[in-house]
Amino acid sequence: MKRILILIHLLVPMSFGYGQSISLQLLSTGGELFSNSNYQLEWSVGELCTETYSNQQIILSEGFNQGKFSITSIYNANTSDLEIKAFPNPTNDLIQLTISGYQTENLEYQVSNLTGMLTEKTKITSTKSIISFNSYLYGTYIISITRDNILIHSFKVIKK
């Protein structure tokens, strides 16, 4: 009888208690919400990849910061006459820009940070150019290659 009373005395207060309830929130550096009458799409930056759905034409990943993907080429115009490479990436100090193809004249590169601030703009005079990142702070930069002010190719470069 004594054991039953002790057990009841311990269990009754626990039945009136409840655990902490935390609402789902996300602190993120970026994101967006798109919706129409049939669909809703929300995305943000900084989560781990939680699920991937795919069919023959579309791949959709839920979440982000997908560490197995390292995208360095952001934009590539359909120019069959040029092949442009930027390496090593990530870099500590220098990026080598190599250009091969038929029409390498009237090209220039621009280096900007992720806020869009232009940090360097230089005409390309040879098929190999060296871009110094020594004076840049650690972070992510965009190298854009243009011909006559028309974007040809963009690279994401990480200075570490």
N, C-alpha and C. Protein backbone atom coordinates (compact mmCIF):
# COMPACT_ATOMS: atom_id res chain seq x y z
N MET A 1 0.82 -1.19 0.00
CA MET A 1 0.00 0.00 0.00
C MET A 1 0.88 1.26 0.00
N LYS A 2 1.95 1.19 0.79
CA LYS A 2 2.86 2.32 0.87
C LYS A 2 3.49 2.60 -0.49
N ARG A 3 3.84 1.55 -1.22
CA ARG A 3 4.45 1.70 -2.55
C ARG A 3 3.46 2.34 -3.53
N ILE A 4 2.22 1.96 -3.46
CA ILE A 4 1.21 2.51 -4.36
C ILE A 4 1.02 3.99 -4.09
N LEU A 5 0.97 4.38 -2.82
CA LEU A 5 0.81 5.80 -2.48
C LEU A 5 2.02 6.63 -2.96
N ILE A 6 3.21 6.07 -2.80
CA ILE A 6 4.41 6.78 -3.27
C ILE A 6 4.38 6.90 -4.78
N LEU A 7 3.98 5.83 -5.47
CA LEU A 7 3.90 5.86 -6.93
C LEU A 7 2.86 6.87 -7.39
N ILE A 8 1.70 6.91 -6.78
CA ILE A 8 0.66 7.89 -7.13
C ILE A 8 1.15 9.29 -6.85
N HIS A 9 1.82 9.47 -5.72
CA HIS A 9 2.33 10.79 -5.34
C HIS A 9 3.36 11.30 -6.37
N LEU A 10 4.12 10.40 -6.97
CA LEU A 10 5.09 10.79 -7.98
C LEU A 10 4.48 10.98 -9.36
N LEU A 11 3.50 10.15 -9.71
CA LEU A 11 2.93 10.20 -11.06
C LEU A 11 1.89 11.30 -11.24
N VAL A 12 1.11 11.62 -10.22
CA VAL A 12 0.06 12.63 -10.37
C VAL A 12 0.64 14.00 -10.73
N PRO A 13 1.65 14.50 -10.02
CA PRO A 13 2.19 15.81 -10.42
C PRO A 13 2.79 15.80 -11.82
N MET A 14 3.35 14.67 -12.23
CA MET A 14 3.94 14.60 -13.57
C MET A 14 2.87 14.66 -14.65
N SER A 15 1.67 14.18 -14.37
CA SER A 15 0.62 14.21 -15.38
C SER A 15 0.09 15.62 -15.61
N PHE A 16 0.26 16.52 -14.64
CA PHE A 16 -0.19 17.90 -14.82
C PHE A 16 0.90 18.77 -15.44
N GLY A 17 2.13 18.30 -15.43
CA GLY A 17 3.22 19.05 -16.02
C GLY A 17 3.25 18.87 -17.53
N TYR A 18 3.94 19.75 -18.20
CA TYR A 18 4.09 19.63 -19.65
C TYR A 18 5.49 20.09 -20.03
N GLY A 19 5.92 19.59 -21.16
CA GLY A 19 7.24 19.92 -21.66
C GLY A 19 7.25 21.28 -22.32
N GLN A 20 8.42 21.77 -22.58
CA GLN A 20 8.56 23.05 -23.25
C GLN A 20 8.11 22.92 -24.69
N SER A 21 7.38 23.89 -25.17
CA SER A 21 6.93 23.90 -26.55
C SER A 21 7.69 25.01 -27.28
N ILE A 22 8.38 24.63 -28.35
CA ILE A 22 9.16 25.59 -29.13
C ILE A 22 8.54 25.70 -30.51
N SER A 23 8.19 26.91 -30.90
CA SER A 23 7.66 27.09 -32.25
C SER A 23 8.81 27.05 -33.24
N LEU A 24 8.51 26.59 -34.45
CA LEU A 24 9.53 26.49 -35.48
C LEU A 24 9.85 27.87 -36.01
N GLN A 25 11.13 28.25 -35.92
CA GLN A 25 11.59 29.52 -36.43
C GLN A 25 12.91 29.30 -37.14
N LEU A 26 13.21 30.20 -38.04
CA LEU A 26 14.46 30.09 -38.79
C LEU A 26 15.09 31.47 -38.86
N LEU A 27 16.33 31.55 -38.42
CA LEU A 27 17.12 32.76 -38.62
C LEU A 27 18.02 32.49 -39.80
N SER A 28 17.86 33.27 -40.85
CA SER A 28 18.55 32.97 -42.09
C SER A 28 19.11 34.25 -42.69
N THR A 29 20.15 34.10 -43.51
CA THR A 29 20.74 35.25 -44.18
C THR A 29 19.99 35.64 -45.44
N GLY A 30 19.11 34.78 -45.94
CA GLY A 30 18.36 35.09 -47.14
C GLY A 30 17.26 34.09 -47.35
N GLY A 31 16.30 34.46 -48.17
CA GLY A 31 15.21 33.55 -48.48
C GLY A 31 14.07 34.28 -49.17
N GLU A 32 13.07 33.54 -49.54
CA GLU A 32 11.95 34.14 -50.27
C GLU A 32 10.75 33.20 -50.19
N LEU A 33 9.59 33.75 -50.44
CA LEU A 33 8.35 32.99 -50.50
C LEU A 33 7.66 33.31 -51.81
N PHE A 34 7.34 32.28 -52.57
CA PHE A 34 6.59 32.43 -53.81
C PHE A 34 5.33 31.59 -53.69
N SER A 35 4.20 32.14 -54.08
CA SER A 35 2.97 31.35 -54.01
C SER A 35 1.99 31.83 -55.06
N ASN A 36 1.12 30.92 -55.47
CA ASN A 36 -0.01 31.25 -56.33
C ASN A 36 -1.20 30.45 -55.82
N SER A 37 -2.24 30.35 -56.59
CA SER A 37 -3.44 29.68 -56.11
C SER A 37 -3.24 28.17 -55.94
N ASN A 38 -2.26 27.59 -56.59
CA ASN A 38 -2.06 26.14 -56.53
C ASN A 38 -0.83 25.69 -55.74
N TYR A 39 0.23 26.52 -55.71
CA TYR A 39 1.49 26.08 -55.14
C TYR A 39 2.09 27.14 -54.24
N GLN A 40 2.96 26.68 -53.36
CA GLN A 40 3.72 27.59 -52.51
C GLN A 40 5.14 27.07 -52.41
N LEU A 41 6.12 27.96 -52.58
CA LEU A 41 7.53 27.59 -52.51
C LEU A 41 8.22 28.55 -51.56
N GLU A 42 8.87 28.00 -50.52
CA GLU A 42 9.63 28.81 -49.58
C GLU A 42 11.06 28.31 -49.60
N TRP A 43 12.01 29.22 -49.52
CA TRP A 43 13.41 28.82 -49.45
C TRP A 43 14.16 29.81 -48.59
N SER A 44 15.27 29.34 -48.04
CA SER A 44 16.15 30.19 -47.26
C SER A 44 17.56 29.65 -47.37
N VAL A 45 18.51 30.37 -46.81
CA VAL A 45 19.91 29.99 -46.93
C VAL A 45 20.44 29.65 -45.54
N GLY A 46 21.09 28.50 -45.41
CA GLY A 46 21.75 28.17 -44.16
C GLY A 46 21.34 26.88 -43.51
N GLU A 47 20.39 26.15 -44.03
CA GLU A 47 19.98 24.88 -43.43
C GLU A 47 20.74 23.73 -44.08
N LEU A 48 20.68 22.58 -43.44
CA LEU A 48 21.23 21.37 -44.04
C LEU A 48 20.24 20.80 -45.02
N CYS A 49 20.72 20.08 -46.01
CA CYS A 49 19.84 19.41 -46.97
C CYS A 49 19.08 18.31 -46.25
N THR A 50 17.77 18.32 -46.35
CA THR A 50 16.97 17.35 -45.62
C THR A 50 16.34 16.31 -46.53
N GLU A 51 16.08 16.62 -47.76
CA GLU A 51 15.41 15.68 -48.66
C GLU A 51 15.64 16.14 -50.10
N THR A 52 15.74 15.19 -51.00
CA THR A 52 15.88 15.50 -52.41
C THR A 52 14.87 14.69 -53.20
N TYR A 53 14.11 15.37 -54.06
CA TYR A 53 13.13 14.72 -54.93
C TYR A 53 13.58 14.94 -56.37
N SER A 54 13.41 13.92 -57.20
CA SER A 54 13.82 14.10 -58.58
C SER A 54 12.99 13.24 -59.51
N ASN A 55 12.90 13.71 -60.75
CA ASN A 55 12.36 12.90 -61.83
C ASN A 55 13.33 13.08 -63.00
N GLN A 56 12.93 12.75 -64.20
CA GLN A 56 13.87 12.80 -65.32
C GLN A 56 14.25 14.23 -65.69
N GLN A 57 13.45 15.22 -65.34
CA GLN A 57 13.72 16.59 -65.77
C GLN A 57 14.04 17.54 -64.63
N ILE A 58 13.58 17.28 -63.41
CA ILE A 58 13.69 18.25 -62.32
C ILE A 58 14.31 17.59 -61.09
N ILE A 59 15.20 18.31 -60.41
CA ILE A 59 15.73 17.89 -59.12
C ILE A 59 15.39 19.00 -58.13
N LEU A 60 14.73 18.66 -57.03
CA LEU A 60 14.34 19.63 -56.02
C LEU A 60 14.90 19.18 -54.69
N SER A 61 15.74 20.03 -54.08
CA SER A 61 16.30 19.72 -52.76
C SER A 61 15.64 20.59 -51.73
N GLU A 62 15.21 19.98 -50.66
CA GLU A 62 14.58 20.68 -49.55
C GLU A 62 15.71 21.07 -48.60
N GLY A 63 15.80 22.31 -48.22
CA GLY A 63 16.89 22.76 -47.37
C GLY A 63 18.05 23.25 -48.22
N PHE A 64 19.15 23.64 -47.58
CA PHE A 64 20.27 24.18 -48.33
C PHE A 64 21.57 23.95 -47.60
N ASN A 65 22.58 24.69 -48.01
CA ASN A 65 23.95 24.47 -47.56
C ASN A 65 24.34 23.03 -47.86
N GLN A 66 24.14 22.65 -49.07
CA GLN A 66 24.39 21.29 -49.50
C GLN A 66 25.88 21.14 -49.75
N GLY A 67 26.58 20.67 -48.73
CA GLY A 67 28.03 20.65 -48.74
C GLY A 67 28.64 19.83 -49.86
N LYS A 68 27.92 18.87 -50.42
CA LYS A 68 28.52 18.07 -51.46
C LYS A 68 28.55 18.78 -52.81
N PHE A 69 27.88 19.94 -52.92
CA PHE A 69 27.88 20.70 -54.15
C PHE A 69 28.81 21.90 -53.98
N SER A 70 29.69 22.12 -54.93
CA SER A 70 30.55 23.29 -54.92
C SER A 70 30.44 23.94 -56.29
N ILE A 71 29.57 24.90 -56.39
CA ILE A 71 29.31 25.56 -57.66
C ILE A 71 30.25 26.75 -57.78
N THR A 72 31.09 26.74 -58.79
CA THR A 72 32.00 27.86 -58.97
C THR A 72 31.67 28.64 -60.24
N SER A 73 31.13 27.99 -61.24
CA SER A 73 30.74 28.69 -62.46
C SER A 73 29.29 29.11 -62.31
N ILE A 74 29.05 30.40 -62.27
CA ILE A 74 27.71 30.91 -62.04
C ILE A 74 26.96 31.11 -63.34
N TYR A 75 27.62 31.67 -64.31
CA TYR A 75 26.96 31.97 -65.59
C TYR A 75 27.92 31.63 -66.72
N ASN A 76 27.38 31.02 -67.76
CA ASN A 76 28.17 30.71 -68.94
C ASN A 76 27.29 30.93 -70.16
N ALA A 77 27.57 31.97 -70.91
CA ALA A 77 26.81 32.23 -72.13
C ALA A 77 27.11 31.13 -73.14
N ASN A 78 26.21 30.89 -74.02
CA ASN A 78 26.40 29.85 -75.02
C ASN A 78 27.37 30.33 -76.09
N THR A 79 28.64 30.41 -75.72
CA THR A 79 29.67 30.82 -76.66
C THR A 79 30.57 29.63 -76.92
N SER A 80 30.40 29.04 -78.06
CA SER A 80 31.19 27.86 -78.40
C SER A 80 32.62 28.23 -78.79
N ASP A 81 32.89 29.53 -78.97
CA ASP A 81 34.23 29.93 -79.40
C ASP A 81 35.18 30.17 -78.24
N LEU A 82 34.70 30.17 -76.98
CA LEU A 82 35.55 30.45 -75.84
C LEU A 82 35.43 29.36 -74.78
N GLU A 83 36.55 29.07 -74.14
CA GLU A 83 36.56 28.23 -72.94
C GLU A 83 37.33 29.01 -71.89
N ILE A 84 36.68 29.27 -70.75
CA ILE A 84 37.27 30.12 -69.71
C ILE A 84 37.33 29.31 -68.41
N LYS A 85 38.50 29.34 -67.75
CA LYS A 85 38.70 28.64 -66.48
C LYS A 85 39.32 29.59 -65.49
N ALA A 86 38.92 29.43 -64.21
CA ALA A 86 39.51 30.20 -63.11
C ALA A 86 39.93 29.22 -62.03
N PHE A 87 41.21 29.23 -61.65
CA PHE A 87 41.70 28.29 -60.64
C PHE A 87 42.94 28.87 -59.98
N PRO A 88 43.35 28.41 -58.80
CA PRO A 88 42.69 27.47 -57.91
C PRO A 88 41.54 28.14 -57.17
N ASN A 89 40.59 27.38 -56.80
CA ASN A 89 39.42 27.90 -56.10
C ASN A 89 38.98 26.88 -55.07
N PRO A 90 39.01 27.19 -53.80
CA PRO A 90 39.32 28.47 -53.15
C PRO A 90 40.80 28.82 -53.24
N THR A 91 41.10 30.10 -52.98
CA THR A 91 42.46 30.58 -53.11
C THR A 91 42.89 31.34 -51.86
N ASN A 92 44.19 31.43 -51.68
CA ASN A 92 44.75 32.26 -50.61
C ASN A 92 45.22 33.60 -51.14
N ASP A 93 45.72 33.60 -52.41
CA ASP A 93 46.28 34.85 -52.91
C ASP A 93 46.07 35.10 -54.40
N LEU A 94 46.21 34.10 -55.27
CA LEU A 94 46.15 34.34 -56.71
C LEU A 94 45.13 33.44 -57.39
N ILE A 95 44.48 33.97 -58.42
CA ILE A 95 43.61 33.19 -59.31
C ILE A 95 44.19 33.31 -60.70
N GLN A 96 44.34 32.17 -61.38
CA GLN A 96 44.78 32.19 -62.77
C GLN A 96 43.54 32.06 -63.64
N LEU A 97 43.39 32.99 -64.55
CA LEU A 97 42.28 33.01 -65.50
C LEU A 97 42.83 32.60 -66.86
N THR A 98 42.36 31.46 -67.40
CA THR A 98 42.83 31.01 -68.71
C THR A 98 41.68 31.06 -69.70
N ILE A 99 41.97 31.57 -70.87
CA ILE A 99 40.97 31.72 -71.92
C ILE A 99 41.51 31.07 -73.18
N SER A 100 40.72 30.19 -73.76
CA SER A 100 41.12 29.59 -75.03
C SER A 100 39.94 29.66 -75.98
N GLY A 101 40.24 29.84 -77.21
CA GLY A 101 39.20 29.95 -78.22
C GLY A 101 39.61 30.90 -79.32
N TYR A 102 38.66 31.18 -80.18
CA TYR A 102 38.97 31.97 -81.37
C TYR A 102 38.91 33.47 -81.12
N GLN A 103 37.91 33.92 -80.39
CA GLN A 103 37.71 35.36 -80.25
C GLN A 103 38.02 35.80 -78.82
N THR A 104 39.27 36.10 -78.57
CA THR A 104 39.67 36.54 -77.23
C THR A 104 39.86 38.05 -77.14
N GLU A 105 39.53 38.78 -78.18
CA GLU A 105 39.70 40.24 -78.15
C GLU A 105 38.48 40.90 -77.49
N ASN A 106 38.70 42.13 -77.02
CA ASN A 106 37.67 42.96 -76.37
C ASN A 106 37.11 42.33 -75.10
N LEU A 107 37.93 41.55 -74.39
CA LEU A 107 37.48 40.93 -73.15
C LEU A 107 38.03 41.71 -71.96
N GLU A 108 37.28 41.71 -70.88
CA GLU A 108 37.76 42.25 -69.62
C GLU A 108 37.15 41.46 -68.48
N TYR A 109 37.83 41.49 -67.33
CA TYR A 109 37.27 40.84 -66.15
C TYR A 109 36.99 41.89 -65.09
N GLN A 110 35.98 41.58 -64.30
CA GLN A 110 35.60 42.43 -63.18
C GLN A 110 35.51 41.56 -61.94
N VAL A 111 36.03 42.04 -60.83
CA VAL A 111 35.92 41.35 -59.56
C VAL A 111 35.03 42.18 -58.67
N SER A 112 34.00 41.54 -58.11
CA SER A 112 33.10 42.25 -57.20
C SER A 112 32.81 41.35 -56.00
N ASN A 113 32.42 41.98 -54.89
CA ASN A 113 32.05 41.19 -53.72
C ASN A 113 30.56 40.83 -53.83
N LEU A 114 30.03 40.12 -52.83
CA LEU A 114 28.66 39.66 -52.91
C LEU A 114 27.62 40.76 -52.76
N THR A 115 28.04 41.93 -52.32
CA THR A 115 27.11 43.06 -52.26
C THR A 115 27.03 43.78 -53.60
N GLY A 116 27.88 43.36 -54.56
CA GLY A 116 27.87 43.97 -55.88
C GLY A 116 28.88 45.09 -56.05
N MET A 117 29.66 45.38 -55.00
CA MET A 117 30.64 46.45 -55.09
C MET A 117 31.82 46.00 -55.96
N LEU A 118 32.10 46.76 -56.99
CA LEU A 118 33.18 46.46 -57.93
C LEU A 118 34.51 46.77 -57.26
N THR A 119 35.39 45.77 -57.19
CA THR A 119 36.70 45.98 -56.56
C THR A 119 37.83 46.07 -57.57
N GLU A 120 37.61 45.55 -58.78
CA GLU A 120 38.66 45.58 -59.80
C GLU A 120 38.03 45.40 -61.17
N LYS A 121 38.56 46.12 -62.16
CA LYS A 121 38.11 45.98 -63.55
C LYS A 121 39.34 46.14 -64.43
N THR A 122 39.65 45.09 -65.25
CA THR A 122 40.87 45.09 -66.04
C THR A 122 40.63 44.46 -67.40
N LYS A 123 41.24 45.05 -68.43
CA LYS A 123 41.18 44.46 -69.77
C LYS A 123 42.05 43.21 -69.81
N ILE A 124 41.57 42.20 -70.51
CA ILE A 124 42.32 40.95 -70.67
C ILE A 124 43.16 41.08 -71.94
N THR A 125 44.48 40.99 -71.78
CA THR A 125 45.39 41.18 -72.91
C THR A 125 46.07 39.90 -73.36
N SER A 126 45.93 38.81 -72.60
CA SER A 126 46.53 37.55 -73.02
C SER A 126 45.60 36.40 -72.62
N THR A 127 45.96 35.21 -73.06
CA THR A 127 45.11 34.05 -72.78
C THR A 127 45.27 33.56 -71.34
N LYS A 128 46.28 34.05 -70.63
CA LYS A 128 46.46 33.73 -69.21
C LYS A 128 46.62 35.02 -68.43
N SER A 129 45.75 35.20 -67.46
CA SER A 129 45.82 36.38 -66.60
C SER A 129 45.89 35.93 -65.15
N ILE A 130 46.64 36.68 -64.36
CA ILE A 130 46.75 36.41 -62.93
C ILE A 130 46.00 37.52 -62.20
N ILE A 131 45.06 37.12 -61.34
CA ILE A 131 44.31 38.08 -60.53
C ILE A 131 44.77 37.92 -59.09
N SER A 132 45.28 38.99 -58.51
CA SER A 132 45.78 38.94 -57.14
C SER A 132 44.63 39.19 -56.16
N PHE A 133 44.49 38.30 -55.20
CA PHE A 133 43.50 38.45 -54.13
C PHE A 133 44.19 38.79 -52.81
N ASN A 134 45.48 39.17 -52.85
CA ASN A 134 46.23 39.46 -51.63
C ASN A 134 45.60 40.57 -50.80
N SER A 135 45.11 41.61 -51.44
CA SER A 135 44.57 42.75 -50.70
C SER A 135 43.10 42.58 -50.33
N TYR A 136 42.47 41.49 -50.75
CA TYR A 136 41.04 41.28 -50.46
C TYR A 136 40.86 40.61 -49.11
N LEU A 137 39.76 40.93 -48.45
CA LEU A 137 39.41 40.27 -47.20
C LEU A 137 38.92 38.86 -47.49
N TYR A 138 38.93 38.02 -46.47
CA TYR A 138 38.40 36.67 -46.63
C TYR A 138 36.92 36.75 -46.97
N GLY A 139 36.47 35.91 -47.90
CA GLY A 139 35.06 35.91 -48.28
C GLY A 139 34.86 35.38 -49.68
N THR A 140 33.68 35.66 -50.22
CA THR A 140 33.30 35.18 -51.54
C THR A 140 33.23 36.35 -52.51
N TYR A 141 33.78 36.14 -53.70
CA TYR A 141 33.82 37.17 -54.72
C TYR A 141 33.31 36.60 -56.04
N ILE A 142 32.91 37.48 -56.93
CA ILE A 142 32.44 37.10 -58.26
C ILE A 142 33.39 37.68 -59.29
N ILE A 143 33.92 36.81 -60.16
CA ILE A 143 34.71 37.26 -61.31
C ILE A 143 33.81 37.17 -62.53
N SER A 144 33.58 38.29 -63.19
CA SER A 144 32.74 38.34 -64.38
C SER A 144 33.60 38.67 -65.59
N ILE A 145 33.45 37.89 -66.63
CA ILE A 145 34.18 38.14 -67.89
C ILE A 145 33.17 38.71 -68.88
N THR A 146 33.50 39.87 -69.46
CA THR A 146 32.59 40.52 -70.40
C THR A 146 33.31 40.76 -71.72
N ARG A 147 32.53 40.84 -72.77
CA ARG A 147 33.03 41.25 -74.09
C ARG A 147 32.13 42.40 -74.54
N ASP A 148 32.73 43.55 -74.77
CA ASP A 148 31.97 44.75 -75.17
C ASP A 148 30.80 45.00 -74.21
N ASN A 149 31.08 44.90 -72.91
CA ASN A 149 30.11 45.12 -71.82
C ASN A 149 28.95 44.12 -71.82
N ILE A 150 29.11 42.96 -72.44
CA ILE A 150 28.10 41.90 -72.41
C ILE A 150 28.70 40.74 -71.63
N LEU A 151 27.98 40.27 -70.63
CA LEU A 151 28.47 39.20 -69.77
C LEU A 151 28.65 37.91 -70.56
N ILE A 152 29.84 37.32 -70.46
CA ILE A 152 30.17 36.06 -71.13
C ILE A 152 30.20 34.92 -70.12
N HIS A 153 30.84 35.15 -68.97
CA HIS A 153 31.01 34.09 -67.98
C HIS A 153 31.19 34.70 -66.59
N SER A 154 30.73 33.99 -65.55
CA SER A 154 30.93 34.42 -64.16
C SER A 154 31.40 33.24 -63.32
N PHE A 155 32.28 33.54 -62.38
CA PHE A 155 32.79 32.53 -61.45
C PHE A 155 32.60 33.02 -60.02
N LYS A 156 32.29 32.10 -59.12
CA LYS A 156 32.30 32.39 -57.69
C LYS A 156 33.66 31.95 -57.18
N VAL A 157 34.38 32.87 -56.52
CA VAL A 157 35.71 32.57 -56.00
C VAL A 157 35.70 32.81 -54.50
N ILE A 158 36.28 31.89 -53.75
CA ILE A 158 36.34 32.01 -52.31
C ILE A 158 37.78 32.35 -51.91
N LYS A 159 37.94 33.46 -51.19
CA LYS A 159 39.26 33.85 -50.64
C LYS A 159 39.29 33.34 -49.21
N LYS A 160 40.27 32.47 -48.92
CA LYS A 160 40.36 31.95 -47.55
C LYS A 160 41.68 32.26 -46.92
